[in-house]
Protein backbone atom coordinates (compact mmCIF):
# COMPACT_ATOMS: atom_id res chain seq x y z
CA MET A 1 51.36 28.55 -91.44
CA ILE A 2 48.21 28.33 -89.41
CA GLU A 3 48.72 29.03 -85.99
CA PRO A 4 47.21 27.28 -83.12
CA VAL A 5 43.58 28.40 -81.63
CA ASP A 6 43.91 30.28 -78.35
CA PRO A 7 43.09 27.91 -75.32
CA THR A 8 40.34 29.98 -74.20
CA VAL A 9 38.83 30.39 -77.79
CA ARG A 10 39.29 26.34 -77.75
CA LEU A 11 37.56 26.13 -74.50
CA LEU A 12 34.52 28.29 -75.17
CA ARG A 13 33.71 26.92 -78.35
CA ALA A 14 33.20 23.28 -76.74
CA VAL A 15 31.13 24.61 -73.92
CA PRO A 16 27.83 24.36 -76.04
CA HIS A 17 28.56 20.60 -76.82
CA TRP A 18 28.35 20.06 -73.13
CA THR A 19 25.68 17.99 -71.34
CA LEU A 20 25.87 19.24 -67.33
CA SER A 21 23.57 19.22 -64.81
CA PRO A 22 21.44 21.91 -64.12
CA ALA A 23 23.71 23.38 -61.34
CA LEU A 24 26.65 22.51 -62.97
CA TRP A 25 24.85 24.97 -65.68
CA GLU A 26 24.48 27.23 -63.04
CA GLU A 27 27.96 27.51 -62.53
CA VAL A 28 29.09 27.71 -66.03
CA ASP A 29 26.79 30.49 -66.58
CA GLU A 30 28.26 32.38 -64.00
CA VAL A 31 31.76 31.39 -65.04
CA VAL A 32 31.22 32.59 -68.57
CA GLN A 33 29.99 36.09 -67.34
CA ARG A 34 33.17 36.51 -65.16
CA VAL A 35 35.28 36.00 -68.63
CA HIS A 36 33.03 38.02 -70.38
CA ARG A 37 33.59 41.16 -67.26
CA ALA A 38 37.02 40.62 -67.31
CA LEU A 39 37.28 40.92 -71.17
CA ARG A 40 35.32 43.97 -70.93
CA ALA A 41 37.35 45.46 -68.34
CA GLY A 42 40.27 44.98 -70.32
CA ASP A 43 41.69 42.31 -67.88
CA ILE A 44 43.04 38.99 -70.27
CA ALA A 45 44.60 37.95 -67.06
CA ALA A 46 41.29 37.63 -65.02
CA ALA A 47 39.94 36.31 -68.32
CA ARG A 48 41.92 33.64 -68.85
CA ALA A 49 41.74 32.60 -64.86
CA ALA A 50 38.21 32.61 -65.14
CA ALA A 51 38.38 30.46 -68.30
CA SER A 52 40.73 27.98 -66.19
CA VAL A 53 37.77 28.06 -63.28
CA LEU A 54 35.44 27.08 -66.32
CA SER A 55 37.88 24.07 -67.64
CA LEU A 56 37.13 22.28 -64.16
CA CYS A 57 33.09 22.79 -64.89
CA GLY A 58 33.17 20.51 -67.26
CA PRO A 59 32.02 17.22 -68.14
CA HIS A 60 35.34 15.52 -69.21
CA ARG A 61 35.97 15.18 -65.06
CA VAL A 62 36.31 11.67 -64.39
CA GLY A 63 33.81 11.39 -61.71
CA ARG A 64 31.16 13.19 -63.84
CA SER A 65 31.41 11.35 -67.03
CA VAL A 66 31.64 8.02 -65.61
CA ASN A 67 28.43 9.02 -63.35
CA ALA A 68 26.55 10.08 -66.27
CA ARG A 69 27.64 7.39 -68.64
CA MET A 70 25.84 5.52 -65.26
CA GLY A 71 22.67 7.42 -65.63
CA ALA A 72 23.56 9.02 -61.70
CA VAL A 73 23.06 12.61 -63.38
CA THR A 74 20.45 13.45 -65.60
CA GLY A 75 22.02 16.37 -68.32
CA ALA A 76 20.99 19.27 -70.11
CA GLY A 77 22.08 21.50 -72.74
CA VAL A 78 23.60 25.22 -72.51
CA SER A 79 21.11 28.01 -71.97
CA THR A 80 20.29 30.10 -75.33
CA GLY A 81 22.01 33.42 -73.11
CA THR A 82 24.83 31.68 -72.31
CA ARG A 83 25.56 30.33 -75.62
CA ASP A 84 24.87 33.74 -77.23
CA LEU A 85 27.63 35.13 -74.66
CA ILE A 86 29.71 32.36 -75.60
CA ASN A 87 29.27 33.51 -79.70
CA GLU A 88 30.24 37.07 -78.44
CA LEU A 89 33.53 35.97 -76.50
CA VAL A 90 34.48 33.68 -78.82
CA HIS A 91 34.37 36.56 -81.80
CA ARG A 92 36.49 39.13 -80.10
CA LEU A 93 38.73 36.48 -78.78
CA THR A 94 39.35 35.33 -82.37
CA PRO A 95 41.61 37.39 -84.38
CA PRO A 96 40.24 38.56 -88.01
CA PRO A 97 41.62 36.93 -91.07
CA THR A 98 44.58 38.31 -93.32
CA GLU A 99 44.28 38.94 -96.90
CA THR A 100 45.40 34.88 -96.87
CA GLY A 101 42.78 33.66 -95.10
CA GLN A 102 44.68 32.68 -92.25
CA THR A 103 43.98 34.63 -88.63
CA GLU A 104 46.75 36.63 -87.47
CA PRO A 105 49.53 35.03 -84.85
CA ALA A 106 48.40 37.63 -81.65
CA ALA A 107 45.20 36.17 -80.35
CA ALA A 108 45.98 37.71 -76.96
CA SER A 109 46.67 41.20 -78.97
CA HIS A 110 43.59 40.88 -80.78
CA ALA A 111 41.90 40.52 -77.30
CA GLU A 112 43.48 43.04 -75.93
CA ARG A 113 42.25 45.31 -78.76
CA HIS A 114 38.55 44.79 -78.41
CA ALA A 115 38.14 43.77 -75.10
CA ALA A 116 37.15 47.34 -73.60
CA VAL A 117 34.30 47.42 -76.67
CA PRO A 118 31.18 48.68 -75.52
CA GLU A 119 28.48 46.74 -76.12
């Protein structure tokens, strides 16, 4: 059976596809850094809390998507540094495949095992 993808991983994978204003990208950059620092410290709860803030920065907020469609917001894509950090976080939070090619069911356990790995 294929296990569901961790919500934090799902969110992180979506971020590079967002189109946001430069001010919102600055906020996203800071929040992604907070997720990274929390994982390096082994604090899974803080990483998930930061990820919940990240979800509020996304383009799917009603006012942002309506304004973008009306031309009120000039959007930009994710910076290379943030994209690289997101890729690292997704890799760290994604369990390795098993012999059958499926991922391990406990993504949080995998994250906890690798959270404090120095770069």
